[in-house]
């Protein structure tokens, strides 16, 4: 899956620092620019999937930058959201005439901003939003009493990447049981091994990618709530 590239354009470094963590936790690749000219150069070079553009900037205002993006065949397809502290209908209308998909008014909560951007990208939180957290994981092979022990620091609603002390066969079905920090009941699920490869380094370790294929509704709800909480924190 292609990582969503988000270009954040604002001349205030503090606002960029505020926005950035929300998108990074959602698995987006972040590009930044602090002026209209820099935004145009970055958009042409990196072809972001969406541009979040401040209206009030020295030099080119947000609607001017948006208009320039839409007049360029190389960037006209990129959706643009303009953020402004001016709530007037006139400003919003100028931005939309320039080609902005939407106009958002400051202050805007990070969670709301993230949800709007992911909605434009049609990523259901891509809803396999990943969060990194150390987990103790026990993998039991189907039909076997023995378990393979490992840990994970990359888990999503769709699956997880586990480091184990022995390989697992690609395509194999395993039962997985792990606990989340602050959650009492362990999560139990069935998963398919989609990849197993040797981990670089002197110690024998293997990176095993798992895709969840089954599990109780309660476990799914706990995992979803935990990941959403981590992303929006």
Protein backbone atom coordinates (compact mmCIF):
# COMPACT_ATOMS: atom_id res chain seq x y z
CA UNK A 1 0.00 0.00 0.00
CA UNK A 2 1.33 3.43 -0.95
CA UNK A 3 2.02 5.73 1.97
CA UNK A 4 -0.08 8.91 1.77
CA UNK A 5 2.09 12.00 1.32
CA UNK A 6 0.73 15.12 3.01
CA UNK A 7 2.21 18.55 2.29
CA UNK A 8 1.74 20.99 5.21
CA UNK A 9 2.22 24.64 4.26
CA UNK A 10 2.43 27.30 6.97
CA UNK A 11 4.89 30.06 7.80
CA UNK A 12 4.46 29.41 11.54
CA UNK A 13 6.74 26.58 12.64
CA UNK A 14 4.72 25.98 15.80
CA UNK A 15 1.60 25.17 13.82
CA UNK A 16 3.52 22.72 11.63
CA UNK A 17 4.88 21.04 14.75
CA UNK A 18 1.35 20.80 16.13
CA UNK A 19 -0.09 19.22 12.97
CA UNK A 20 2.71 16.84 12.16
CA UNK A 21 2.35 14.20 14.93
CA UNK A 22 -1.31 13.51 14.10
CA UNK A 23 -0.48 12.61 10.51
CA UNK A 24 2.67 10.68 11.36
CA UNK A 25 0.73 8.52 13.81
CA UNK A 26 -1.71 7.77 11.01
CA UNK A 27 1.14 6.46 8.88
CA UNK A 28 1.38 9.44 6.52
CA UNK A 29 4.63 10.75 5.07
CA UNK A 30 4.92 14.45 5.92
CA UNK A 31 6.32 17.20 3.70
CA UNK A 32 6.48 20.79 4.92
CA UNK A 33 6.83 24.22 3.37
CA UNK A 34 6.85 27.67 4.95
CA UNK A 35 5.98 29.83 1.93
CA UNK A 36 3.93 29.74 -1.23
CA UNK A 37 6.96 29.47 -3.52
CA UNK A 38 8.36 26.60 -1.47
CA UNK A 39 4.96 24.87 -1.54
CA UNK A 40 4.80 25.07 -5.33
CA UNK A 41 8.30 23.62 -5.69
CA UNK A 42 7.58 20.81 -3.25
CA UNK A 43 4.26 19.95 -4.90
CA UNK A 44 5.87 19.72 -8.35
CA UNK A 45 8.78 17.63 -7.09
CA UNK A 46 7.10 15.27 -4.62
CA UNK A 47 3.51 15.06 -5.93
CA UNK A 48 1.80 14.87 -2.51
CA UNK A 49 -1.59 13.18 -2.28
CA UNK A 50 -3.06 16.22 -0.50
CA UNK A 51 -1.97 19.75 0.44
CA UNK A 52 -2.97 21.47 3.67
CA UNK A 53 -2.39 25.15 3.02
CA UNK A 54 -2.45 28.15 5.36
CA UNK A 55 -4.30 31.16 3.96
CA UNK A 56 -2.35 33.88 5.79
CA UNK A 57 1.26 33.82 4.60
CA UNK A 58 3.70 36.54 3.55
CA UNK A 59 4.08 36.93 -0.20
CA UNK A 60 1.56 34.63 -1.85
CA UNK A 61 -1.69 34.17 0.06
CA UNK A 62 -3.22 30.72 0.28
CA UNK A 63 -5.75 31.29 -2.51
CA UNK A 64 -2.97 32.51 -4.83
CA UNK A 65 -0.92 29.38 -4.12
CA UNK A 66 -3.97 27.19 -4.69
CA UNK A 67 -4.72 28.93 -8.00
CA UNK A 68 -1.14 28.39 -9.17
CA UNK A 69 -1.36 24.71 -8.25
CA UNK A 70 -4.60 24.29 -10.19
CA UNK A 71 -3.22 26.07 -13.26
CA UNK A 72 -0.24 23.71 -13.43
CA UNK A 73 -1.06 20.41 -15.25
CA UNK A 74 1.47 18.64 -13.03
CA UNK A 75 -0.30 19.56 -9.77
CA UNK A 76 -3.91 20.42 -10.66
CA UNK A 77 -5.13 16.96 -9.59
CA UNK A 78 -3.90 17.36 -5.99
CA UNK A 79 -6.71 18.17 -3.53
CA UNK A 80 -6.08 21.33 -1.51
CA UNK A 81 -7.54 22.21 1.89
CA UNK A 82 -7.02 25.81 3.01
CA UNK A 83 -6.86 26.66 6.71
CA UNK A 84 -7.62 30.23 7.77
CA UNK A 85 -8.31 32.26 10.89
CA UNK A 86 -10.70 34.44 8.85
CA UNK A 87 -14.19 32.98 9.13
CA UNK A 88 -15.71 35.39 6.60
CA UNK A 89 -17.76 34.09 3.69
CA UNK A 90 -15.70 36.27 1.33
CA UNK A 91 -12.42 34.55 2.17
CA UNK A 92 -14.00 31.11 1.89
CA UNK A 93 -15.48 31.99 -1.50
CA UNK A 94 -12.12 33.27 -2.82
CA UNK A 95 -10.44 30.04 -1.74
CA UNK A 96 -13.07 27.88 -3.40
CA UNK A 97 -12.92 29.90 -6.63
CA UNK A 98 -9.17 29.29 -6.59
CA UNK A 99 -9.85 25.56 -6.57
CA UNK A 100 -9.72 24.62 -2.86
CA UNK A 101 -11.71 21.51 -2.03
CA UNK A 102 -12.60 22.90 1.40
CA UNK A 103 -11.84 25.80 3.74
CA UNK A 104 -11.24 25.06 7.43
CA UNK A 105 -11.30 27.70 10.15
CA UNK A 106 -8.69 27.94 12.92
CA UNK A 107 -8.52 26.87 15.62
CA UNK A 108 -9.16 23.32 14.51
CA UNK A 109 -8.52 20.29 16.70
CA UNK A 110 -5.85 17.91 15.48
CA UNK A 111 -8.27 14.98 15.51
CA UNK A 112 -10.80 16.83 13.35
CA UNK A 113 -8.08 17.94 10.96
CA UNK A 114 -6.76 14.41 10.58
CA UNK A 115 -10.23 12.97 10.01
CA UNK A 116 -10.98 15.57 7.31
CA UNK A 117 -7.72 14.85 5.46
CA UNK A 118 -8.13 11.09 5.65
CA UNK A 119 -11.72 11.50 4.50
CA UNK A 120 -10.58 13.38 1.38
CA UNK A 121 -8.02 10.66 0.70
CA UNK A 122 -10.77 8.06 1.24
CA UNK A 123 -8.66 6.27 3.82
CA UNK A 124 -11.01 4.70 6.37
CA UNK A 125 -8.35 5.77 8.85
CA UNK A 126 -6.60 3.94 6.32
CA UNK A 127 -8.25 2.13 8.82
CA UNK A 128 -5.34 -0.03 9.22
CA UNK A 129 -3.73 2.91 10.99
CA UNK A 130 -0.61 1.57 12.64
CA UNK A 131 0.71 2.38 16.06
CA UNK A 132 4.02 1.27 17.51
CA UNK A 133 3.99 -0.25 20.95
CA UNK A 134 5.93 -3.06 22.61
CA UNK A 135 3.74 -6.16 22.96
CA UNK A 136 4.39 -9.64 24.23
CA UNK A 137 2.95 -12.07 21.70
CA UNK A 138 2.43 -15.81 21.78
CA UNK A 139 1.87 -17.51 18.44
CA UNK A 140 0.45 -21.04 18.57
CA UNK A 141 0.42 -23.06 15.37
CA UNK A 142 -2.94 -24.50 14.41
CA UNK A 143 -3.23 -28.10 15.65
CA UNK A 144 -0.05 -27.94 17.73
CA UNK A 145 0.37 -27.54 21.45
CA UNK A 146 3.72 -25.79 21.16
CA UNK A 147 3.86 -22.03 20.86
CA UNK A 148 6.26 -19.67 19.15
CA UNK A 149 7.08 -16.70 21.33
CA UNK A 150 7.97 -13.26 20.08
CA UNK A 151 7.09 -9.61 20.43
CA UNK A 152 5.74 -6.82 18.28
CA UNK A 153 6.10 -3.06 18.15
CA UNK A 154 3.91 -2.59 15.07
CA UNK A 155 0.21 -3.42 15.32
CA UNK A 156 -2.84 -2.27 13.39
CA UNK A 157 -6.48 -3.26 13.03
CA UNK A 158 -5.49 -5.35 10.02
CA UNK A 159 -2.47 -7.16 11.36
CA UNK A 160 0.91 -6.92 13.04
CA UNK A 161 4.63 -7.38 12.48
CA UNK A 162 6.12 -9.84 14.97
CA UNK A 163 9.74 -10.68 15.72
CA UNK A 164 10.16 -14.37 16.58
CA UNK A 165 13.02 -16.73 17.40
CA UNK A 166 12.06 -19.16 14.62
CA UNK A 167 10.47 -18.72 11.18
CA UNK A 168 6.85 -19.37 10.35
CA UNK A 169 5.76 -20.74 7.01
CA UNK A 170 4.16 -18.23 4.64
CA UNK A 171 0.45 -18.94 4.30
CA UNK A 172 0.26 -20.76 7.62
CA UNK A 173 -2.66 -20.01 9.94
CA UNK A 174 -1.76 -19.23 13.54
CA UNK A 175 -3.60 -18.40 16.72
CA UNK A 176 -2.32 -15.23 18.34
CA UNK A 177 -2.76 -13.95 21.87
CA UNK A 178 -1.38 -10.65 23.18
CA UNK A 179 -2.10 -7.95 25.72
CA UNK A 180 -2.23 -4.20 25.22
CA UNK A 181 -0.85 -1.76 27.80
CA UNK A 182 -3.59 -0.68 30.18
CA UNK A 183 -6.02 -3.35 28.97
CA UNK A 184 -6.83 -6.22 31.30
CA UNK A 185 -8.19 -8.86 28.93
CA UNK A 186 -5.78 -10.33 26.36
CA UNK A 187 -6.72 -10.19 22.70
CA UNK A 188 -7.11 -13.47 20.85
CA UNK A 189 -7.23 -13.71 17.07
CA UNK A 190 -6.55 -15.96 14.10
CA UNK A 191 -3.98 -14.69 11.61
CA UNK A 192 -2.33 -15.70 8.35
CA UNK A 193 1.44 -15.49 7.87
CA UNK A 194 1.91 -13.26 4.84
CA UNK A 195 5.69 -12.89 5.10
CA UNK A 196 8.55 -14.40 7.13
CA UNK A 197 12.13 -13.25 6.66
CA UNK A 198 15.39 -13.36 8.56
CA UNK A 199 16.02 -10.29 10.73
CA UNK A 200 19.39 -8.58 10.08
CA UNK A 201 21.88 -8.99 12.90
CA UNK A 202 24.00 -11.66 14.59
CA UNK A 203 21.17 -13.11 16.69
CA UNK A 204 18.75 -15.48 14.98
CA UNK A 205 15.48 -13.58 14.69
CA UNK A 206 12.72 -13.50 12.10
CA UNK A 207 10.32 -10.77 11.05
CA UNK A 208 6.87 -12.28 10.58
CA UNK A 209 4.05 -10.23 9.03
CA UNK A 210 0.59 -11.37 10.11
CA UNK A 211 -2.81 -10.50 8.68
CA UNK A 212 -5.75 -10.93 11.04
CA UNK A 213 -8.35 -13.27 9.54
CA UNK A 214 -10.56 -13.91 12.55
CA UNK A 215 -11.25 -12.99 16.14
CA UNK A 216 -14.04 -12.12 18.50
CA UNK A 217 -15.96 -8.86 18.20
CA UNK A 218 -14.89 -7.86 21.70
CA UNK A 219 -11.20 -8.23 20.84
CA UNK A 220 -11.67 -6.26 17.61
CA UNK A 221 -13.39 -3.44 19.49
CA UNK A 222 -10.62 -3.29 22.12
CA UNK A 223 -7.91 -3.16 19.43
CA UNK A 224 -9.76 -0.51 17.40
CA UNK A 225 -10.32 1.68 20.46
CA UNK A 226 -6.69 1.37 21.52
CA UNK A 227 -5.22 2.22 18.11
CA UNK A 228 -7.56 5.16 17.54
CA UNK A 229 -6.62 6.45 21.00
CA UNK A 230 -2.90 6.19 20.20
CA UNK A 231 -3.27 7.93 16.86
CA UNK A 232 -5.36 10.80 18.22
CA UNK A 233 -3.40 11.26 21.43
